[in-house]
């Protein structure tokens, strides 16, 4: 027997026009809360409170960060601030420590003359050692 395997299982179905069920609930909830604010509060105060509520509802419905919904990002932030953290520190022997990394300055013009390397030859060597982009020419930035 052959079974048809569902494709695109990560894509939510559009139920209310161009909106998914989750987007529709966030938008409807934001609009409903803004309407309630405008009915029961003075216009200035309702506008002052309603704008952040509308922005949050829009962000929850439509905003994505690295293909994660804004709700997932808020949940991750909440968990980060509320959960305990475990910090471990292990004092090591001074003999077993790795040596510090020393940053070497590029050779000056006088040092290049002593070594017998011209600036063109240095560019050529740097280009030949570049393993990230093989298609780059030596004159390209």
Protein backbone atom coordinates (compact mmCIF):
# COMPACT_ATOMS: atom_id res chain seq x y z
CA UNK A 1 0.00 0.00 0.00
CA UNK A 2 1.14 3.48 -0.76
CA UNK A 3 0.50 6.29 1.65
CA UNK A 4 0.64 9.92 0.81
CA UNK A 5 3.08 11.76 3.07
CA UNK A 6 1.91 15.25 4.02
CA UNK A 7 4.07 18.07 2.72
CA UNK A 8 4.53 21.52 4.25
CA UNK A 9 3.49 20.47 7.74
CA UNK A 10 5.17 23.53 9.27
CA UNK A 11 2.96 25.97 7.32
CA UNK A 12 -0.22 26.96 9.14
CA UNK A 13 -3.49 26.94 7.22
CA UNK A 14 -5.06 30.26 6.26
CA UNK A 15 -8.52 30.18 7.78
CA UNK A 16 -9.72 33.79 7.92
CA UNK A 17 -8.74 35.27 4.57
CA UNK A 18 -4.99 35.89 4.61
CA UNK A 19 -4.76 35.19 8.36
CA UNK A 20 -4.09 31.97 10.21
CA UNK A 21 -6.17 31.09 13.26
CA UNK A 22 -3.41 32.26 15.63
CA UNK A 23 -3.01 35.59 13.80
CA UNK A 24 -6.76 36.11 13.76
CA UNK A 25 -7.03 35.51 17.52
CA UNK A 26 -4.22 37.99 18.28
CA UNK A 27 -5.63 40.66 15.96
CA UNK A 28 -9.22 40.18 17.20
CA UNK A 29 -8.08 40.22 20.82
CA UNK A 30 -6.05 43.40 20.28
CA UNK A 31 -8.92 45.14 18.52
CA UNK A 32 -11.40 44.00 21.18
CA UNK A 33 -9.19 45.26 24.02
CA UNK A 34 -8.69 48.60 22.24
CA UNK A 35 -12.46 48.97 21.76
CA UNK A 36 -13.05 48.24 25.46
CA UNK A 37 -10.39 50.83 26.38
CA UNK A 38 -12.04 53.48 24.16
CA UNK A 39 -15.48 52.77 25.62
CA UNK A 40 -14.56 52.91 29.31
CA UNK A 41 -11.63 55.34 29.45
CA UNK A 42 -11.23 58.97 28.39
CA UNK A 43 -10.05 59.30 24.78
CA UNK A 44 -6.52 60.53 25.65
CA UNK A 45 -5.90 57.78 28.20
CA UNK A 46 -7.44 55.14 25.91
CA UNK A 47 -5.16 56.26 23.08
CA UNK A 48 -2.13 56.26 25.40
CA UNK A 49 -2.83 52.70 26.54
CA UNK A 50 -4.35 51.45 23.28
CA UNK A 51 -1.33 52.13 21.05
CA UNK A 52 1.03 49.78 22.95
CA UNK A 53 -1.74 47.16 23.11
CA UNK A 54 -2.28 47.41 19.34
CA UNK A 55 1.48 47.26 18.70
CA UNK A 56 1.82 44.16 20.90
CA UNK A 57 -1.13 42.48 19.16
CA UNK A 58 0.37 43.24 15.74
CA UNK A 59 3.81 41.97 16.82
CA UNK A 60 2.30 38.78 18.23
CA UNK A 61 0.35 38.21 15.02
CA UNK A 62 2.87 39.13 12.32
CA UNK A 63 6.43 39.77 13.58
CA UNK A 64 9.00 36.97 13.25
CA UNK A 65 12.62 36.88 14.39
CA UNK A 66 14.77 34.22 12.70
CA UNK A 67 11.63 32.32 11.67
CA UNK A 68 10.44 32.23 15.30
CA UNK A 69 7.22 33.94 16.25
CA UNK A 70 7.25 36.90 18.61
CA UNK A 71 5.36 34.79 21.15
CA UNK A 72 8.19 32.22 21.14
CA UNK A 73 10.73 35.01 21.64
CA UNK A 74 8.71 36.43 24.56
CA UNK A 75 8.48 32.97 26.11
CA UNK A 76 12.24 32.45 25.76
CA UNK A 77 12.91 35.85 27.35
CA UNK A 78 10.53 35.14 30.22
CA UNK A 79 12.15 31.75 30.85
CA UNK A 80 15.60 33.32 30.76
CA UNK A 81 14.71 35.88 33.43
CA UNK A 82 12.76 33.54 35.70
CA UNK A 83 14.78 30.31 35.69
CA UNK A 84 17.76 29.76 37.90
CA UNK A 85 21.23 29.79 36.42
CA UNK A 86 24.11 27.60 37.47
CA UNK A 87 27.53 29.20 37.36
CA UNK A 88 30.51 26.90 37.68
CA UNK A 89 34.06 28.05 38.25
CA UNK A 90 36.96 25.72 38.49
CA UNK A 91 40.28 27.07 39.60
CA UNK A 92 43.01 25.51 37.51
CA UNK A 93 46.72 25.14 38.04
CA UNK A 94 48.75 28.07 36.84
CA UNK A 95 51.11 25.68 35.04
CA UNK A 96 48.34 24.13 32.95
CA UNK A 97 46.96 27.44 31.69
CA UNK A 98 47.18 28.05 27.99
CA UNK A 99 49.52 30.83 26.92
CA UNK A 100 48.00 34.18 26.05
CA UNK A 101 47.38 34.94 22.38
CA UNK A 102 49.78 37.55 21.10
CA UNK A 103 48.63 39.82 18.36
CA UNK A 104 51.29 40.40 15.72
CA UNK A 105 51.41 43.73 13.94
CA UNK A 106 51.78 43.72 10.16
CA UNK A 107 55.34 44.30 8.94
CA UNK A 108 56.41 47.86 8.30
CA UNK A 109 57.98 49.05 5.05
CA UNK A 110 61.52 48.74 6.49
CA UNK A 111 60.87 45.19 7.76
CA UNK A 112 59.48 44.20 4.34
CA UNK A 113 62.63 45.55 2.67
CA UNK A 114 64.80 43.51 5.07
CA UNK A 115 62.82 40.38 4.23
CA UNK A 116 62.86 41.14 0.52
CA UNK A 117 59.06 41.07 0.13
CA UNK A 118 57.36 43.71 -1.97
CA UNK A 119 53.81 44.81 -1.26
CA UNK A 120 52.62 43.16 -4.49
CA UNK A 121 54.19 39.86 -3.46
CA UNK A 122 52.61 40.21 0.01
CA UNK A 123 49.16 40.74 -1.59
CA UNK A 124 49.76 37.69 -3.78
CA UNK A 125 50.64 35.54 -0.77
CA UNK A 126 47.63 36.77 1.19
CA UNK A 127 45.38 36.02 -1.76
CA UNK A 128 46.77 32.51 -2.18
CA UNK A 129 46.18 31.79 1.52
CA UNK A 130 42.59 32.99 1.39
CA UNK A 131 40.54 29.80 1.54
CA UNK A 132 37.12 31.32 2.06
CA UNK A 133 36.57 32.80 -1.42
CA UNK A 134 38.36 31.04 -4.26
CA UNK A 135 36.74 33.19 -6.93
CA UNK A 136 38.11 36.47 -5.62
CA UNK A 137 40.85 38.20 -7.60
CA UNK A 138 43.86 39.75 -5.85
CA UNK A 139 42.78 43.28 -6.85
CA UNK A 140 39.25 42.88 -5.43
CA UNK A 141 38.62 44.38 -1.96
